[in-house]
Amino acid sequence: MDLVVPDVLEESCATRQALERLAAKWRVLLVYSLLDGPHRHADLRRRLPGITQKVLTETLRGMEADGLVERRVLRESAPQHVEYGLTDLGHTLREPLAAICAWAVKNG
């Protein structure tokens, strides 16, 4: 079977759109951070040195809008407790990201 390579240079290409969404530095790192289960905002900040609170919040909101992350409110009353976890769609990134990691280790 021949490998089918989509025309990622076309703006309407679904592969290009997915790559543009995932190419942001913090998105892939957040997926890795959430692969072991849901985490609260402060825990994610500790796990990702260098990310600002603003960027973390914006990135999580974007990933939620894309269906990769779900936000769960654990306590409604102040102070509100919220955690973030991968959706089923978000978990489908495990294997492709593992393949990229294996490639990086192999090719240094």
PDB file of N, CA and C in Angstrom:
ATOM      1  N   MET A   1       0.842  -1.181   0.000  1.00  0.00           N
ATOM      2  CA  MET A   1       0.000   0.000   0.000  1.00  0.00           C
ATOM      3  C   MET A   1       0.888   1.245   0.000  1.00  0.00           C
ATOM      4  N   ASP A   2       0.599   2.177  -0.883  1.00  0.00           N
ATOM      5  CA  ASP A   2       1.356   3.425  -0.958  1.00  0.00           C
ATOM      6  C   ASP A   2       0.925   4.375   0.149  1.00  0.00           C
ATOM      7  N   LEU A   3       1.883   5.111   0.661  1.00  0.00           N
ATOM      8  CA  LEU A   3       1.608   6.121   1.669  1.00  0.00           C
ATOM      9  C   LEU A   3       0.926   7.303   0.995  1.00  0.00           C
ATOM     10  N   VAL A   4      -0.200   7.704   1.532  1.00  0.00           N
ATOM     11  CA  VAL A   4      -0.932   8.846   0.988  1.00  0.00           C
ATOM     12  C   VAL A   4      -0.515  10.078   1.768  1.00  0.00           C
ATOM     13  N   VAL A   5       0.043  11.040   1.064  1.00  0.00           N
ATOM     14  CA  VAL A   5       0.487  12.270   1.703  1.00  0.00           C
ATOM     15  C   VAL A   5      -0.473  13.382   1.285  1.00  0.00           C
ATOM     16  N   PRO A   6      -1.187  13.959   2.246  1.00  0.00           N
ATOM     17  CA  PRO A   6      -2.117  15.035   1.899  1.00  0.00           C
ATOM     18  C   PRO A   6      -1.363  16.286   1.475  1.00  0.00           C
ATOM     19  N   ASP A   7      -2.053  17.142   0.779  1.00  0.00           N
ATOM     20  CA  ASP A   7      -1.431  18.394   0.352  1.00  0.00           C
ATOM     21  C   ASP A   7      -1.532  19.408   1.485  1.00  0.00           C
ATOM     22  N   VAL A   8      -0.598  19.307   2.426  1.00  0.00           N
ATOM     23  CA  VAL A   8      -0.644  20.151   3.618  1.00  0.00           C
ATOM     24  C   VAL A   8      -0.389  21.625   3.314  1.00  0.00           C
ATOM     25  N   LEU A   9      -0.003  21.934   2.104  1.00  0.00           N
ATOM     26  CA  LEU A   9       0.203  23.334   1.743  1.00  0.00           C
ATOM     27  C   LEU A   9      -1.114  24.042   1.441  1.00  0.00           C
ATOM     28  N   GLU A  10      -2.162  23.278   1.204  1.00  0.00           N
ATOM     29  CA  GLU A  10      -3.487  23.864   0.961  1.00  0.00           C
ATOM     30  C   GLU A  10      -4.131  24.239   2.295  1.00  0.00           C
ATOM     31  N   GLU A  11      -4.650  25.457   2.383  1.00  0.00           N
ATOM     32  CA  GLU A  11      -5.251  25.936   3.631  1.00  0.00           C
ATOM     33  C   GLU A  11      -6.421  25.079   4.087  1.00  0.00           C
ATOM     34  N   SER A  12      -7.140  24.477   3.159  1.00  0.00           N
ATOM     35  CA  SER A  12      -8.321  23.695   3.510  1.00  0.00           C
ATOM     36  C   SER A  12      -7.994  22.257   3.917  1.00  0.00           C
ATOM     37  N   CYS A  13      -6.743  21.876   3.854  1.00  0.00           N
ATOM     38  CA  CYS A  13      -6.325  20.509   4.183  1.00  0.00           C
ATOM     39  C   CYS A  13      -6.538  20.237   5.676  1.00  0.00           C
ATOM     40  N   ALA A  14      -7.254  19.164   6.001  1.00  0.00           N
ATOM     41  CA  ALA A  14      -7.527  18.815   7.400  1.00  0.00           C
ATOM     42  C   ALA A  14      -6.237  18.526   8.161  1.00  0.00           C
ATOM     43  N   THR A  15      -5.272  17.924   7.491  1.00  0.00           N
ATOM     44  CA  THR A  15      -3.995  17.634   8.145  1.00  0.00           C
ATOM     45  C   THR A  15      -3.279  18.930   8.497  1.00  0.00           C
ATOM     46  N   ARG A  16      -3.301  19.887   7.587  1.00  0.00           N
ATOM     47  CA  ARG A  16      -2.669  21.181   7.877  1.00  0.00           C
ATOM     48  C   ARG A  16      -3.340  21.854   9.067  1.00  0.00           C
ATOM     49  N   GLN A  17      -4.656  21.812   9.097  1.00  0.00           N
ATOM     50  CA  GLN A  17      -5.380  22.438  10.197  1.00  0.00           C
ATOM     51  C   GLN A  17      -5.034  21.778  11.527  1.00  0.00           C
ATOM     52  N   ALA A  18      -4.922  20.447  11.536  1.00  0.00           N
ATOM     53  CA  ALA A  18      -4.548  19.734  12.762  1.00  0.00           C
ATOM     54  C   ALA A  18      -3.123  20.095  13.172  1.00  0.00           C
ATOM     55  N   LEU A  19      -2.215  20.146  12.206  1.00  0.00           N
ATOM     56  CA  LEU A  19      -0.825  20.490  12.520  1.00  0.00           C
ATOM     57  C   LEU A  19      -0.719  21.902  13.082  1.00  0.00           C
ATOM     58  N   GLU A  20      -1.470  22.834  12.521  1.00  0.00           N
ATOM     59  CA  GLU A  20      -1.442  24.206  13.017  1.00  0.00           C
ATOM     60  C   GLU A  20      -1.921  24.273  14.460  1.00  0.00           C
ATOM     61  N   ARG A  21      -2.941  23.483  14.793  1.00  0.00           N
ATOM     62  CA  ARG A  21      -3.455  23.486  16.167  1.00  0.00           C
ATOM     63  C   ARG A  21      -2.473  22.848  17.143  1.00  0.00           C
ATOM     64  N   LEU A  22      -1.828  21.781  16.724  1.00  0.00           N
ATOM     65  CA  LEU A  22      -0.929  21.056  17.620  1.00  0.00           C
ATOM     66  C   LEU A  22       0.485  21.617  17.648  1.00  0.00           C
ATOM     67  N   ALA A  23       0.833  22.424  16.668  1.00  0.00           N
ATOM     68  CA  ALA A  23       2.212  22.905  16.550  1.00  0.00           C
ATOM     69  C   ALA A  23       2.595  23.895  17.647  1.00  0.00           C
ATOM     70  N   ALA A  24       1.628  24.482  18.288  1.00  0.00           N
ATOM     71  CA  ALA A  24       1.936  25.420  19.361  1.00  0.00           C
ATOM     72  C   ALA A  24       2.699  24.687  20.466  1.00  0.00           C
ATOM     73  N   LYS A  25       3.782  25.260  20.901  1.00  0.00           N
ATOM     74  CA  LYS A  25       4.705  24.642  21.858  1.00  0.00           C
ATOM     75  C   LYS A  25       3.993  24.031  23.059  1.00  0.00           C
ATOM     76  N   TRP A  26       3.154  24.771  23.689  1.00  0.00           N
ATOM     77  CA  TRP A  26       2.580  24.324  24.949  1.00  0.00           C
ATOM     78  C   TRP A  26       1.504  23.264  24.766  1.00  0.00           C
ATOM     79  N   ARG A  27       0.856  23.203  23.611  1.00  0.00           N
ATOM     80  CA  ARG A  27      -0.218  22.218  23.419  1.00  0.00           C
ATOM     81  C   ARG A  27       0.286  20.795  23.538  1.00  0.00           C
ATOM     82  N   VAL A  28       1.363  20.483  22.856  1.00  0.00           N
ATOM     83  CA  VAL A  28       1.894  19.123  22.909  1.00  0.00           C
ATOM     84  C   VAL A  28       2.376  18.802  24.325  1.00  0.00           C
ATOM     85  N   LEU A  29       3.019  19.759  24.964  1.00  0.00           N
ATOM     86  CA  LEU A  29       3.493  19.530  26.331  1.00  0.00           C
ATOM     87  C   LEU A  29       2.328  19.339  27.302  1.00  0.00           C
ATOM     88  N   LEU A  30       1.227  20.051  27.077  1.00  0.00           N
ATOM     89  CA  LEU A  30       0.048  19.863  27.915  1.00  0.00           C
ATOM     90  C   LEU A  30      -0.563  18.488  27.697  1.00  0.00           C
ATOM     91  N   VAL A  31      -0.575  18.018  26.460  1.00  0.00           N
ATOM     92  CA  VAL A  31      -1.083  16.666  26.207  1.00  0.00           C
ATOM     93  C   VAL A  31      -0.253  15.675  27.019  1.00  0.00           C
ATOM     94  N   TYR A  32       1.077  15.792  26.948  1.00  0.00           N
ATOM     95  CA  TYR A  32       1.944  14.912  27.734  1.00  0.00           C
ATOM     96  C   TYR A  32       1.637  15.024  29.217  1.00  0.00           C
ATOM     97  N   SER A  33       1.434  16.220  29.702  1.00  0.00           N
ATOM     98  CA  SER A  33       1.168  16.434  31.124  1.00  0.00           C
ATOM     99  C   SER A  33      -0.137  15.803  31.573  1.00  0.00           C
ATOM    100  N   LEU A  34      -1.084  15.685  30.654  1.00  0.00           N
ATOM    101  CA  LEU A  34      -2.405  15.170  31.008  1.00  0.00           C
ATOM    102  C   LEU A  34      -2.593  13.687  30.676  1.00  0.00           C
ATOM    103  N   LEU A  35      -1.597  13.068  30.055  1.00  0.00           N
ATOM    104  CA  LEU A  35      -1.735  11.652  29.693  1.00  0.00           C
ATOM    105  C   LEU A  35      -1.905  10.757  30.918  1.00  0.00           C
ATOM    106  N   ASP A  36      -1.356  11.161  32.055  1.00  0.00           N
ATOM    107  CA  ASP A  36      -1.467  10.325  33.256  1.00  0.00           C
ATOM    108  C   ASP A  36      -2.709  10.623  34.082  1.00  0.00           C
ATOM    109  N   GLY A  37      -3.568  11.506  33.589  1.00  0.00           N
ATOM    110  CA  GLY A  37      -4.822  11.803  34.278  1.00  0.00           C
ATOM    111  C   GLY A  37      -5.031  13.289  34.451  1.00  0.00           C
ATOM    112  N   PRO A  38      -6.208  13.653  34.971  1.00  0.00           N
ATOM    113  CA  PRO A  38      -6.555  15.068  35.150  1.00  0.00           C
ATOM    114  C   PRO A  38      -5.656  15.760  36.167  1.00  0.00           C
ATOM    115  N   HIS A  39      -5.478  17.062  35.955  1.00  0.00           N
ATOM    116  CA  HIS A  39      -4.676  17.883  36.865  1.00  0.00           C
ATOM    117  C   HIS A  39      -5.329  19.250  37.021  1.00  0.00           C
ATOM    118  N   ARG A  40      -5.072  19.856  38.161  1.00  0.00           N
ATOM    119  CA  ARG A  40      -5.547  21.211  38.391  1.00  0.00           C
ATOM    120  C   ARG A  40      -4.582  22.202  37.762  1.00  0.00           C
ATOM    121  N   HIS A  41      -5.059  23.421  37.581  1.00  0.00           N
ATOM    122  CA  HIS A  41      -4.312  24.490  36.912  1.00  0.00           C
ATOM    123  C   HIS A  41      -2.937  24.692  37.544  1.00  0.00           C
ATOM    124  N   ALA A  42      -2.902  24.820  38.867  1.00  0.00           N
ATOM    125  CA  ALA A  42      -1.629  25.076  39.563  1.00  0.00           C
ATOM    126  C   ALA A  42      -0.651  23.916  39.374  1.00  0.00           C
ATOM    127  N   ASP A  43      -1.164  22.693  39.351  1.00  0.00           N
ATOM    128  CA  ASP A  43      -0.309  21.524  39.150  1.00  0.00           C
ATOM    129  C   ASP A  43       0.285  21.549  37.740  1.00  0.00           C
ATOM    130  N   LEU A  44      -0.514  21.923  36.765  1.00  0.00           N
ATOM    131  CA  LEU A  44      -0.003  22.016  35.386  1.00  0.00           C
ATOM    132  C   LEU A  44       1.085  23.084  35.281  1.00  0.00           C
ATOM    133  N   ARG A  45       0.918  24.192  35.981  1.00  0.00           N
ATOM    134  CA  ARG A  45       1.959  25.241  35.963  1.00  0.00           C
ATOM    135  C   ARG A  45       3.266  24.729  36.550  1.00  0.00           C
ATOM    136  N   ARG A  46       3.179  23.936  37.597  1.00  0.00           N
ATOM    137  CA  ARG A  46       4.385  23.360  38.197  1.00  0.00           C
ATOM    138  C   ARG A  46       5.031  22.343  37.262  1.00  0.00           C
ATOM    139  N   ARG A  47       4.220  21.604  36.544  1.00  0.00           N
ATOM    140  CA  ARG A  47       4.748  20.573  35.644  1.00  0.00           C
ATOM    141  C   ARG A  47       5.361  21.162  34.381  1.00  0.00           C
ATOM    142  N   LEU A  48       4.999  22.398  34.050  1.00  0.00           N
ATOM    143  CA  LEU A  48       5.482  23.039  32.821  1.00  0.00           C
ATOM    144  C   LEU A  48       6.231  24.325  33.155  1.00  0.00           C
ATOM    145  N   PRO A  49       7.454  24.210  33.645  1.00  0.00           N
ATOM    146  CA  PRO A  49       8.221  25.412  33.973  1.00  0.00           C
ATOM    147  C   PRO A  49       8.328  26.330  32.756  1.00  0.00           C
ATOM    148  N   GLY A  50       8.099  27.600  32.993  1.00  0.00           N
ATOM    149  CA  GLY A  50       8.216  28.584  31.917  1.00  0.00           C
ATOM    150  C   GLY A  50       6.893  29.045  31.344  1.00  0.00           C
ATOM    151  N   ILE A  51       5.825  28.289  31.573  1.00  0.00           N
ATOM    152  CA  ILE A  51       4.529  28.710  31.051  1.00  0.00           C
ATOM    153  C   ILE A  51       3.928  29.722  32.026  1.00  0.00           C
ATOM    154  N   THR A  52       3.353  30.777  31.492  1.00  0.00           N
ATOM    155  CA  THR A  52       2.707  31.771  32.347  1.00  0.00           C
ATOM    156  C   THR A  52       1.270  31.347  32.609  1.00  0.00           C
ATOM    157  N   GLN A  53       0.697  31.903  33.643  1.00  0.00           N
ATOM    158  CA  GLN A  53      -0.697  31.599  33.973  1.00  0.00           C
ATOM    159  C   GLN A  53      -1.611  31.971  32.810  1.00  0.00           C
ATOM    160  N   LYS A  54      -1.351  33.123  32.200  1.00  0.00           N
ATOM    161  CA  LYS A  54      -2.178  33.594  31.087  1.00  0.00           C
ATOM    162  C   LYS A  54      -2.088  32.639  29.894  1.00  0.00           C
ATOM    163  N   VAL A  55      -0.887  32.239  29.534  1.00  0.00           N
ATOM    164  CA  VAL A  55      -0.709  31.348  28.386  1.00  0.00           C
ATOM    165  C   VAL A  55      -1.323  29.980  28.678  1.00  0.00           C
ATOM    166  N   LEU A  56      -1.157  29.496  29.905  1.00  0.00           N
ATOM    167  CA  LEU A  56      -1.752  28.216  30.271  1.00  0.00           C
ATOM    168  C   LEU A  56      -3.269  28.269  30.137  1.00  0.00           C
ATOM    169  N   THR A  57      -3.871  29.312  30.669  1.00  0.00           N
ATOM    170  CA  THR A  57      -5.323  29.459  30.594  1.00  0.00           C
ATOM    171  C   THR A  57      -5.789  29.543  29.143  1.00  0.00           C
ATOM    172  N   GLU A  58      -5.129  30.358  28.335  1.00  0.00           N
ATOM    173  CA  GLU A  58      -5.513  30.508  26.925  1.00  0.00           C
ATOM    174  C   GLU A  58      -5.344  29.192  26.161  1.00  0.00           C
ATOM    175  N   THR A  59      -4.255  28.484  26.442  1.00  0.00           N
ATOM    176  CA  THR A  59      -3.993  27.230  25.749  1.00  0.00           C
ATOM    177  C   THR A  59      -5.025  26.179  26.132  1.00  0.00           C
ATOM    178  N   LEU A  60      -5.333  26.080  27.415  1.00  0.00           N
ATOM    179  CA  LEU A  60      -6.346  25.119  27.858  1.00  0.00           C
ATOM    180  C   LEU A  60      -7.709  25.437  27.258  1.00  0.00           C
ATOM    181  N   ARG A  61      -8.060  26.709  27.185  1.00  0.00           N
ATOM    182  CA  ARG A  61      -9.346  27.101  26.578  1.00  0.00           C
ATOM    183  C   ARG A  61      -9.395  26.713  25.102  1.00  0.00           C
ATOM    184  N   GLY A  62      -8.281  26.954  24.395  1.00  0.00           N
ATOM    185  CA  GLY A  62      -8.229  26.579  22.983  1.00  0.00           C
ATOM    186  C   GLY A  62      -8.317  25.076  22.786  1.00  0.00           C
ATOM    187  N   MET A  63      -7.642  24.328  23.655  1.00  0.00           N
ATOM    188  CA  MET A  63      -7.680  22.870  23.554  1.00  0.00           C
ATOM    189  C   MET A  63      -9.062  22.338  23.926  1.00  0.00           C
ATOM    190  N   GLU A  64      -9.727  23.024  24.833  1.00  0.00           N
ATOM    191  CA  GLU A  64     -11.103  22.648  25.183  1.00  0.00           C
ATOM    192  C   GLU A  64     -12.028  22.908  23.988  1.00  0.00           C
ATOM    193  N   ALA A  65     -11.852  24.044  23.330  1.00  0.00           N
ATOM    194  CA  ALA A  65     -12.663  24.377  22.154  1.00  0.00           C
ATOM    195  C   ALA A  65     -12.426  23.381  21.018  1.00  0.00           C
ATOM    196  N   ASP A  66     -11.203  22.849  20.922  1.00  0.00           N
ATOM    197  CA  ASP A  66     -10.874  21.866  19.887  1.00  0.00           C
ATOM    198  C   ASP A  66     -11.296  20.454  20.261  1.00  0.00           C
ATOM    199  N   GLY A  67     -11.809  20.282  21.481  1.00  0.00           N
ATOM    200  CA  GLY A  67     -12.273  18.968  21.908  1.00  0.00           C
ATOM    201  C   GLY A  67     -11.193  18.049  22.432  1.00  0.00           C
ATOM    202  N   LEU A  68     -10.006  18.598  22.737  1.00  0.00           N
ATOM    203  CA  LEU A  68      -8.902  17.776  23.233  1.00  0.00           C
ATOM    204  C   LEU A  68      -8.871  17.677  24.752  1.00  0.00           C
ATOM    205  N   VAL A  69      -9.399  18.703  25.417  1.00  0.00           N
ATOM    206  CA  VAL A  69      -9.351  18.796  26.876  1.00  0.00           C
ATOM    207  C   VAL A  69     -10.752  19.079  27.392  1.00  0.00           C
ATOM    208  N   GLU A  70     -11.052  18.498  28.555  1.00  0.00           N
ATOM    209  CA  GLU A  70     -12.310  18.842  29.215  1.00  0.00           C
ATOM    210  C   GLU A  70     -12.007  19.475  30.562  1.00  0.00           C
ATOM    211  N   ARG A  71     -12.816  20.439  30.912  1.00  0.00           N
ATOM    212  CA  ARG A  71     -12.681  21.176  32.174  1.00  0.00           C
ATOM    213  C   ARG A  71     -13.786  20.689  33.093  1.00  0.00           C
ATOM    214  N   ARG A  72     -13.394  20.234  34.282  1.00  0.00           N
ATOM    215  CA  ARG A  72     -14.377  19.751  35.254  1.00  0.00           C
ATOM    216  C   ARG A  72     -14.316  20.611  36.512  1.00  0.00           C
ATOM    217  N   VAL A  73     -15.475  21.098  36.910  1.00  0.00           N
ATOM    218  CA  VAL A  73     -15.567  21.892  38.139  1.00  0.00           C
ATOM    219  C   VAL A  73     -15.776  20.922  39.286  1.00  0.00           C
ATOM    220  N   LEU A  74     -14.832  20.922  40.229  1.00  0.00           N
ATOM    221  CA  LEU A  74     -14.901  20.020  41.376  1.00  0.00           C
ATOM    222  C   LEU A  74     -15.650  20.646  42.542  1.00  0.00           C
ATOM    223  N   ARG A  75     -15.568  21.976  42.635  1.00  0.00           N
ATOM    224  CA  ARG A  75     -16.275  22.698  43.690  1.00  0.00           C
ATOM    225  C   ARG A  75     -16.731  24.031  43.134  1.00  0.00           C
ATOM    226  N   GLU A  76     -18.028  24.265  43.206  1.00  0.00           N
ATOM    227  CA  GLU A  76     -18.630  25.488  42.661  1.00  0.00           C
ATOM    228  C   GLU A  76     -18.378  26.711  43.533  1.00  0.00           C
ATOM    229  N   SER A  77     -18.398  26.529  44.849  1.00  0.00           N
ATOM    230  CA  SER A  77     -18.274  27.682  45.740  1.00  0.00           C
ATOM    231  C   SER A  77     -16.836  28.191  45.766  1.00  0.00           C
ATOM    232  N   ALA A  78     -16.710  29.453  46.122  1.00  0.00           N
ATOM    233  CA  ALA A  78     -15.382  30.080  46.154  1.00  0.00           C
ATOM    234  C   ALA A  78     -14.569  29.515  47.301  1.00  0.00           C
ATOM    235  N   PRO A  79     -13.300  29.247  47.118  1.00  0.00           N
ATOM    236  CA  PRO A  79     -12.612  29.305  45.841  1.00  0.00           C
ATOM    237  C   PRO A  79     -12.961  28.071  44.990  1.00  0.00           C
ATOM    238  N   GLN A  80     -13.254  28.335  43.744  1.00  0.00           N
ATOM    239  CA  GLN A  80     -13.669  27.272  42.839  1.00  0.00           C
ATOM    240  C   GLN A  80     -12.491  26.327  42.540  1.00  0.00           C
ATOM    241  N   HIS A  81     -12.754  25.049  42.517  1.00  0.00           N
ATOM    242  CA  HIS A  81     -11.727  24.058  42.190  1.00  0.00           C
ATOM    243  C   HIS A  81     -12.064  23.440  40.842  1.00  0.00           C
ATOM    244  N   VAL A  82     -11.095  23.482  39.919  1.00  0.00           N
ATOM    245  CA  VAL A  82     -11.291  22.996  38.558  1.00  0.00           C
ATOM    246  C   VAL A  82     -10.121  22.100  38.199  1.00  0.00           C
ATOM    247  N   GLU A  83     -10.394  21.048  37.438  1.00  0.00           N
ATOM    248  CA  GLU A  83      -9.310  20.230  36.917  1.00  0.00           C
ATOM    249  C   GLU A  83      -9.520  20.033  35.420  1.00  0.00           C
ATOM    250  N   TYR A  84      -8.429  19.731  34.749  1.00  0.00           N
ATOM    251  CA  TYR A  84      -8.438  19.539  33.304  1.00  0.00           C
ATOM    252  C   TYR A  84      -7.951  18.130  32.991  1.00  0.00           C
ATOM    253  N   GLY A  85      -8.622  17.494  32.043  1.00  0.00           N
ATOM    254  CA  GLY A  85      -8.231  16.161  31.621  1.00  0.00           C
ATOM    255  C   GLY A  85      -8.403  16.022  30.124  1.00  0.00           C
ATOM    256  N   LEU A  86      -7.735  15.040  29.556  1.00  0.00           N
ATOM    257  CA  LEU A  86      -7.869  14.785  28.132  1.00  0.00           C
ATOM    258  C   LEU A  86      -9.218  14.133  27.842  1.00  0.00           C
ATOM    259  N   THR A  87      -9.797  14.491  26.738  1.00  0.00           N
ATOM    260  CA  THR A  87     -11.001  13.825  26.255  1.00  0.00           C
ATOM    261  C   THR A  87     -10.573  12.546  25.549  1.00  0.00           C
ATOM    262  N   ASP A  88     -11.542  11.775  25.078  1.00  0.00           N
ATOM    263  CA  ASP A  88     -11.213  10.582  24.291  1.00  0.00           C
ATOM    264  C   ASP A  88     -10.404  10.978  23.059  1.00  0.00           C
ATOM    265  N   LEU A  89     -10.787  12.091  22.430  1.00  0.00           N
ATOM    266  CA  LEU A  89     -10.043  12.586  21.264  1.00  0.00           C
ATOM    267  C   LEU A  89      -8.612  12.952  21.661  1.00  0.00           C
ATOM    268  N   GLY A  90      -8.440  13.606  22.793  1.00  0.00           N
ATOM    269  CA  GLY A  90      -7.111  13.971  23.264  1.00  0.00           C
ATOM    270  C   GLY A  90      -6.237  12.748  23.504  1.00  0.00           C
ATOM    271  N   HIS A  91      -6.836  11.686  24.031  1.00  0.00           N
ATOM    272  CA  HIS A  91      -6.078  10.456  24.285  1.00  0.00           C
ATOM    273  C   HIS A  91      -5.626   9.783  22.989  1.00  0.00           C
ATOM    274  N   THR A  92      -6.281  10.065  21.870  1.00  0.00           N
ATOM    275  CA  THR A  92      -5.857   9.453  20.608  1.00  0.00           C
ATOM    276  C   THR A  92      -4.513   9.995  20.142  1.00  0.00           C
ATOM    277  N   LEU A  93      -4.016  11.049  20.777  1.00  0.00           N
ATOM    278  CA  LEU A  93      -2.711  11.605  20.413  1.00  0.00           C
ATOM    279  C   LEU A  93      -1.555  10.833  21.042  1.00  0.00           C
ATOM    280  N   ARG A  94      -1.847   9.930  21.963  1.00  0.00           N
ATOM    281  CA  ARG A  94      -0.796   9.176  22.663  1.00  0.00           C
ATOM    282  C   ARG A  94       0.135   8.461  21.683  1.00  0.00           C
ATOM    283  N   GLU A  95      -0.408   7.678  20.778  1.00  0.00           N
ATOM    284  CA  GLU A  95       0.429   6.899  19.862  1.00  0.00           C
ATOM    285  C   GLU A  95       1.211   7.766  18.877  1.00  0.00           C
ATOM    286  N   PRO A  96       0.580   8.751  18.223  1.00  0.00           N
ATOM    287  CA  PRO A  96       1.377   9.595  17.323  1.00  0.00           C
ATOM    288  C   PRO A  96       2.504  10.334  18.055  1.00  0.00           C
ATOM    289  N   LEU A  97       2.246  10.812  19.259  1.00  0.00           N
ATOM    290  CA  LEU A  97       3.288  11.513  20.005  1.00  0.00           C
ATOM    291  C   LEU A  97       4.376  10.544  20.464  1.00  0.00           C
ATOM    292  N   ALA A  98       3.996   9.315  20.810  1.00  0.00           N
ATOM    293  CA  ALA A  98       4.995   8.308  21.175  1.00  0.00           C
ATOM    294  C   ALA A  98       5.893   8.003  19.984  1.00  0.00           C
ATOM    295  N   ALA A  99       5.305   7.979  18.785  1.00  0.00           N
ATOM    296  CA  ALA A  99       6.102   7.732  17.573  1.00  0.00           C
ATOM    297  C   ALA A  99       7.089   8.872  17.336  1.00  0.00           C
ATOM    298  N   ILE A 100       6.669  10.098  17.580  1.00  0.00           N
ATOM    299  CA  ILE A 100       7.571  11.242  17.424  1.00  0.00           C
ATOM    300  C   ILE A 100       8.696  11.162  18.451  1.00  0.00           C
ATOM    301  N   CYS A 101       8.366  10.786  19.685  1.00  0.00           N
ATOM    302  CA  CYS A 101       9.399  10.644  20.725  1.00  0.00           C
ATOM    303  C   CYS A 101      10.402   9.561  20.339  1.00  0.00           C
ATOM    304  N   ALA A 102       9.903   8.433  19.850  1.00  0.00           N
ATOM    305  CA  ALA A 102      10.794   7.345  19.438  1.00  0.00           C
ATOM    306  C   ALA A 102      11.696   7.788  18.310  1.00  0.00           C
ATOM    307  N   TRP A 103      11.141   8.543  17.367  1.00  0.00           N
ATOM    308  CA  TRP A 103      11.939   9.064  16.246  1.00  0.00           C
ATOM    309  C   TRP A 103      13.023  10.008  16.763  1.00  0.00           C
ATOM    310  N   ALA A 104      12.653  10.890  17.706  1.00  0.00           N
ATOM    311  CA  ALA A 104      13.613  11.859  18.245  1.00  0.00           C
ATOM    312  C   ALA A 104      14.747  11.157  18.980  1.00  0.00           C
ATOM    313  N   VAL A 105      14.433  10.125  19.755  1.00  0.00           N
ATOM    314  CA  VAL A 105      15.464   9.390  20.496  1.00  0.00           C
ATOM    315  C   VAL A 105      16.390   8.669  19.508  1.00  0.00           C
ATOM    316  N   LYS A 106      15.798   8.072  18.507  1.00  0.00           N
ATOM    317  CA  LYS A 106      16.580   7.315  17.521  1.00  0.00           C
ATOM    318  C   LYS A 106      17.506   8.220  16.693  1.00  0.00           C
ATOM    319  N   ASN A 107      17.006   9.405  16.358  1.00  0.00           N
ATOM    320  CA  ASN A 107      17.729  10.288  15.448  1.00  0.00           C
ATOM    321  C   ASN A 107      18.421  11.467  16.128  1.00  0.00           C
ATOM    322  N   GLY A 108      18.267  11.527  17.437  1.00  0.00           N
ATOM    323  CA  GLY A 108      18.948  12.504  18.264  1.00  0.00           C
ATOM    324  C   GLY A 108      19.013  13.865  17.715  1.00  0.00           C
TER     325      GLY A 108
END
